Amino acid sequence: MQESANLALAFMGAGVGLGLIVIGAGLGIGRLAAGAAEAIGRQPSAASAITGAVNLPLFLLEGVAILAEVFALMIVLK
């Protein structure tokens, strides 16, 4: 009985953790994209430079979110 309660708590913790990961990544990507759109709106001639500078952080942020999700699932399913 104790083991099933611990497993249920682990699943609930993983669910909350995964939710926080997705919310954090979504907020980060949204703020970065909004800043880029605002910068392009102010300086349209620099759109290619702004887009290039924004792509790497976007990819890194998404990669970190995916890794965090994988680690959270690995902890639960070990």
C-alpha atoms as a PDB file:
ATOM      1  CA  MET A   1       0.000   0.000   0.000  1.00  0.00           C
ATOM      2  CA  GLN A   2       2.830   2.382   0.860  1.00  0.00           C
ATOM      3  CA  GLU A   3       4.538   1.763  -2.493  1.00  0.00           C
ATOM      4  CA  SER A   4       1.417   2.578  -4.495  1.00  0.00           C
ATOM      5  CA  ALA A   5       0.947   5.813  -2.532  1.00  0.00           C
ATOM      6  CA  ASN A   6       4.547   6.789  -3.251  1.00  0.00           C
ATOM      7  CA  LEU A   7       4.084   5.983  -6.931  1.00  0.00           C
ATOM      8  CA  ALA A   8       0.923   8.097  -7.085  1.00  0.00           C
ATOM      9  CA  LEU A   9       2.785  10.983  -5.460  1.00  0.00           C
ATOM     10  CA  ALA A  10       5.627  10.587  -7.950  1.00  0.00           C
ATOM     11  CA  PHE A  11       3.208  10.714 -10.867  1.00  0.00           C
ATOM     12  CA  MET A  12       1.494  13.774  -9.421  1.00  0.00           C
ATOM     13  CA  GLY A  13       4.848  15.493  -8.891  1.00  0.00           C
ATOM     14  CA  ALA A  14       5.904  14.674 -12.435  1.00  0.00           C
ATOM     15  CA  GLY A  15       2.634  16.066 -13.756  1.00  0.00           C
ATOM     16  CA  VAL A  16       3.066  19.312 -11.852  1.00  0.00           C
ATOM     17  CA  GLY A  17       6.713  19.517 -12.904  1.00  0.00           C
ATOM     18  CA  LEU A  18       5.888  18.925 -16.545  1.00  0.00           C
ATOM     19  CA  GLY A  19       3.167  21.573 -16.380  1.00  0.00           C
ATOM     20  CA  LEU A  20       5.596  24.100 -14.926  1.00  0.00           C
ATOM     21  CA  ILE A  21       8.175  23.247 -17.580  1.00  0.00           C
ATOM     22  CA  VAL A  22       5.696  23.819 -20.394  1.00  0.00           C
ATOM     23  CA  ILE A  23       4.393  27.057 -18.875  1.00  0.00           C
ATOM     24  CA  GLY A  24       7.920  28.395 -18.312  1.00  0.00           C
ATOM     25  CA  ALA A  25       9.088  27.514 -21.798  1.00  0.00           C
ATOM     26  CA  GLY A  26       5.960  29.017 -23.342  1.00  0.00           C
ATOM     27  CA  LEU A  27       6.397  32.246 -21.424  1.00  0.00           C
ATOM     28  CA  GLY A  28      10.061  32.467 -22.355  1.00  0.00           C
ATOM     29  CA  ILE A  29       9.480  31.807 -26.039  1.00  0.00           C
ATOM     30  CA  GLY A  30       6.546  34.240 -26.077  1.00  0.00           C
ATOM     31  CA  ARG A  31       8.536  37.043 -24.477  1.00  0.00           C
ATOM     32  CA  LEU A  32      11.458  36.476 -26.825  1.00  0.00           C
ATOM     33  CA  ALA A  33       9.236  36.455 -29.909  1.00  0.00           C
ATOM     34  CA  ALA A  34       7.358  39.545 -28.725  1.00  0.00           C
ATOM     35  CA  GLY A  35      10.620  41.411 -28.202  1.00  0.00           C
ATOM     36  CA  ALA A  36      11.821  40.419 -31.654  1.00  0.00           C
ATOM     37  CA  ALA A  37       8.549  41.491 -33.257  1.00  0.00           C
ATOM     38  CA  GLU A  38       8.708  44.833 -31.469  1.00  0.00           C
ATOM     39  CA  ALA A  39      12.314  45.352 -32.533  1.00  0.00           C
ATOM     40  CA  ILE A  40      11.492  44.519 -36.150  1.00  0.00           C
ATOM     41  CA  GLY A  41       8.541  46.913 -35.979  1.00  0.00           C
ATOM     42  CA  ARG A  42      10.830  49.724 -34.856  1.00  0.00           C
ATOM     43  CA  GLN A  43      13.654  48.900 -37.284  1.00  0.00           C
ATOM     44  CA  PRO A  44      12.321  46.953 -40.300  1.00  0.00           C
ATOM     45  CA  SER A  45      15.608  47.211 -42.181  1.00  0.00           C
ATOM     46  CA  ALA A  46      17.326  45.111 -39.495  1.00  0.00           C
ATOM     47  CA  ALA A  47      14.772  42.289 -39.651  1.00  0.00           C
ATOM     48  CA  SER A  48      17.205  39.662 -40.913  1.00  0.00           C
ATOM     49  CA  ALA A  49      19.793  40.495 -38.247  1.00  0.00           C
ATOM     50  CA  ILE A  50      17.178  40.462 -35.485  1.00  0.00           C
ATOM     51  CA  THR A  51      15.722  37.170 -36.698  1.00  0.00           C
ATOM     52  CA  GLY A  52      19.177  35.620 -36.822  1.00  0.00           C
ATOM     53  CA  ALA A  53      19.985  36.802 -33.319  1.00  0.00           C
ATOM     54  CA  VAL A  54      16.705  35.453 -31.942  1.00  0.00           C
ATOM     55  CA  ASN A  55      16.859  31.990 -33.502  1.00  0.00           C
ATOM     56  CA  LEU A  56      19.675  30.564 -31.357  1.00  0.00           C
ATOM     57  CA  PRO A  57      18.136  31.480 -27.970  1.00  0.00           C
ATOM     58  CA  LEU A  58      14.777  30.120 -29.153  1.00  0.00           C
ATOM     59  CA  PHE A  59      16.333  26.801 -30.117  1.00  0.00           C
ATOM     60  CA  LEU A  60      18.267  26.598 -26.850  1.00  0.00           C
ATOM     61  CA  LEU A  61      15.182  27.386 -24.784  1.00  0.00           C
ATOM     62  CA  GLU A  62      13.136  24.741 -26.542  1.00  0.00           C
ATOM     63  CA  GLY A  63      15.951  22.214 -26.171  1.00  0.00           C
ATOM     64  CA  VAL A  64      16.217  22.852 -22.440  1.00  0.00           C
ATOM     65  CA  ALA A  65      12.457  22.418 -22.057  1.00  0.00           C
ATOM     66  CA  ILE A  66      12.511  19.105 -23.927  1.00  0.00           C
ATOM     67  CA  LEU A  67      15.443  17.843 -21.852  1.00  0.00           C
ATOM     68  CA  ALA A  68      13.681  18.842 -18.627  1.00  0.00           C
ATOM     69  CA  GLU A  69      10.578  16.934 -19.714  1.00  0.00           C
ATOM     70  CA  VAL A  70      12.648  13.851 -20.520  1.00  0.00           C
ATOM     71  CA  PHE A  71      14.432  14.009 -17.167  1.00  0.00           C
ATOM     72  CA  ALA A  72      11.143  14.409 -15.278  1.00  0.00           C
ATOM     73  CA  LEU A  73       9.701  11.373 -17.039  1.00  0.00           C
ATOM     74  CA  MET A  74      12.880   9.354 -16.461  1.00  0.00           C
ATOM     75  CA  ILE A  75      12.710  10.046 -12.732  1.00  0.00           C
ATOM     76  CA  VAL A  76       9.153   8.770 -12.553  1.00  0.00           C
ATOM     77  CA  LEU A  77       9.551   5.796 -14.853  1.00  0.00           C
ATOM     78  CA  LYS A  78      12.891   4.497 -13.574  1.00  0.00           C
END
